[in-house]
């Protein structure tokens, strides 16, 4: 989980934006927050994919 949090901080340019993004519900996750989905390997991979899109300027 620490790896994903660090990734979020890089992709979103800071601790506070990452914290907000990780806690906010997201339609691509069925209304769950990224943190809620990170309790499984599949969910963790979904969140990593979303962050990769953010990092490369793709819409999420």
C-alpha atoms as a PDB file:
ATOM      1  CA  UNK A   1       0.000   0.000   0.000  1.00  0.00           C
ATOM      2  CA  UNK A   2       2.859   2.388   0.745  1.00  0.00           C
ATOM      3  CA  UNK A   3       4.036   2.023  -2.844  1.00  0.00           C
ATOM      4  CA  UNK A   4       0.636   3.108  -4.175  1.00  0.00           C
ATOM      5  CA  UNK A   5       0.436   6.055  -1.772  1.00  0.00           C
ATOM      6  CA  UNK A   6       3.889   7.219  -2.924  1.00  0.00           C
ATOM      7  CA  UNK A   7       2.793   6.773  -6.549  1.00  0.00           C
ATOM      8  CA  UNK A   8      -0.309   8.878  -5.856  1.00  0.00           C
ATOM      9  CA  UNK A   9       1.816  11.616  -4.303  1.00  0.00           C
ATOM     10  CA  UNK A  10       4.045  11.728  -7.395  1.00  0.00           C
ATOM     11  CA  UNK A  11       1.204  11.509  -9.912  1.00  0.00           C
ATOM     12  CA  UNK A  12      -0.904  14.134  -8.148  1.00  0.00           C
ATOM     13  CA  UNK A  13       1.960  16.462  -7.153  1.00  0.00           C
ATOM     14  CA  UNK A  14       1.747  16.294  -3.392  1.00  0.00           C
ATOM     15  CA  UNK A  15       0.548  14.707  -0.201  1.00  0.00           C
ATOM     16  CA  UNK A  16      -2.747  16.583   0.138  1.00  0.00           C
ATOM     17  CA  UNK A  17      -3.967  16.047  -3.448  1.00  0.00           C
ATOM     18  CA  UNK A  18      -3.030  12.370  -3.145  1.00  0.00           C
ATOM     19  CA  UNK A  19      -4.862  12.044   0.172  1.00  0.00           C
ATOM     20  CA  UNK A  20      -7.992  13.638  -1.287  1.00  0.00           C
ATOM     21  CA  UNK A  21      -7.894  11.495  -4.451  1.00  0.00           C
ATOM     22  CA  UNK A  22      -7.363   8.268  -2.510  1.00  0.00           C
ATOM     23  CA  UNK A  23     -10.333   8.998  -0.215  1.00  0.00           C
ATOM     24  CA  UNK A  24     -12.810  10.311  -2.799  1.00  0.00           C
ATOM     25  CA  UNK A  25     -15.418   8.019  -4.386  1.00  0.00           C
ATOM     26  CA  UNK A  26     -14.764   7.306  -8.059  1.00  0.00           C
ATOM     27  CA  UNK A  27     -17.195   6.182 -10.735  1.00  0.00           C
ATOM     28  CA  UNK A  28     -14.611   3.855 -12.329  1.00  0.00           C
ATOM     29  CA  UNK A  29     -14.506   1.987  -9.027  1.00  0.00           C
ATOM     30  CA  UNK A  30     -18.261   1.647  -8.706  1.00  0.00           C
ATOM     31  CA  UNK A  31     -18.472   4.629  -6.368  1.00  0.00           C
ATOM     32  CA  UNK A  32     -15.831   3.261  -4.004  1.00  0.00           C
ATOM     33  CA  UNK A  33     -12.762   5.255  -3.109  1.00  0.00           C
ATOM     34  CA  UNK A  34      -9.350   4.064  -4.260  1.00  0.00           C
ATOM     35  CA  UNK A  35      -8.475   3.326  -0.617  1.00  0.00           C
ATOM     36  CA  UNK A  36     -11.563   1.133  -0.296  1.00  0.00           C
ATOM     37  CA  UNK A  37     -10.510  -0.872  -3.360  1.00  0.00           C
ATOM     38  CA  UNK A  38      -6.925  -1.379  -2.277  1.00  0.00           C
ATOM     39  CA  UNK A  39      -7.850  -4.275   0.031  1.00  0.00           C
ATOM     40  CA  UNK A  40      -7.459  -6.814  -2.792  1.00  0.00           C
ATOM     41  CA  UNK A  41      -4.769  -7.434  -5.385  1.00  0.00           C
ATOM     42  CA  UNK A  42      -7.260  -6.728  -8.206  1.00  0.00           C
ATOM     43  CA  UNK A  43      -8.331  -3.477  -6.572  1.00  0.00           C
ATOM     44  CA  UNK A  44      -4.735  -2.450  -6.001  1.00  0.00           C
ATOM     45  CA  UNK A  45      -3.999  -3.014  -9.692  1.00  0.00           C
ATOM     46  CA  UNK A  46      -7.055  -0.938 -10.686  1.00  0.00           C
ATOM     47  CA  UNK A  47      -5.825   1.952  -8.556  1.00  0.00           C
ATOM     48  CA  UNK A  48      -2.287   1.679  -9.976  1.00  0.00           C
ATOM     49  CA  UNK A  49      -3.688   1.752 -13.508  1.00  0.00           C
ATOM     50  CA  UNK A  50      -5.753   4.834 -12.706  1.00  0.00           C
ATOM     51  CA  UNK A  51      -2.712   6.570 -11.241  1.00  0.00           C
ATOM     52  CA  UNK A  52      -0.635   5.699 -14.306  1.00  0.00           C
ATOM     53  CA  UNK A  53      -3.291   7.389 -16.444  1.00  0.00           C
ATOM     54  CA  UNK A  54      -3.208  10.471 -14.197  1.00  0.00           C
ATOM     55  CA  UNK A  55       0.586  10.568 -14.306  1.00  0.00           C
ATOM     56  CA  UNK A  56       0.574  10.515 -18.108  1.00  0.00           C
ATOM     57  CA  UNK A  57      -2.159  13.138 -18.434  1.00  0.00           C
ATOM     58  CA  UNK A  58      -4.899  10.744 -19.510  1.00  0.00           C
ATOM     59  CA  UNK A  59      -8.430  11.294 -18.206  1.00  0.00           C
ATOM     60  CA  UNK A  60      -9.659   9.087 -15.401  1.00  0.00           C
END
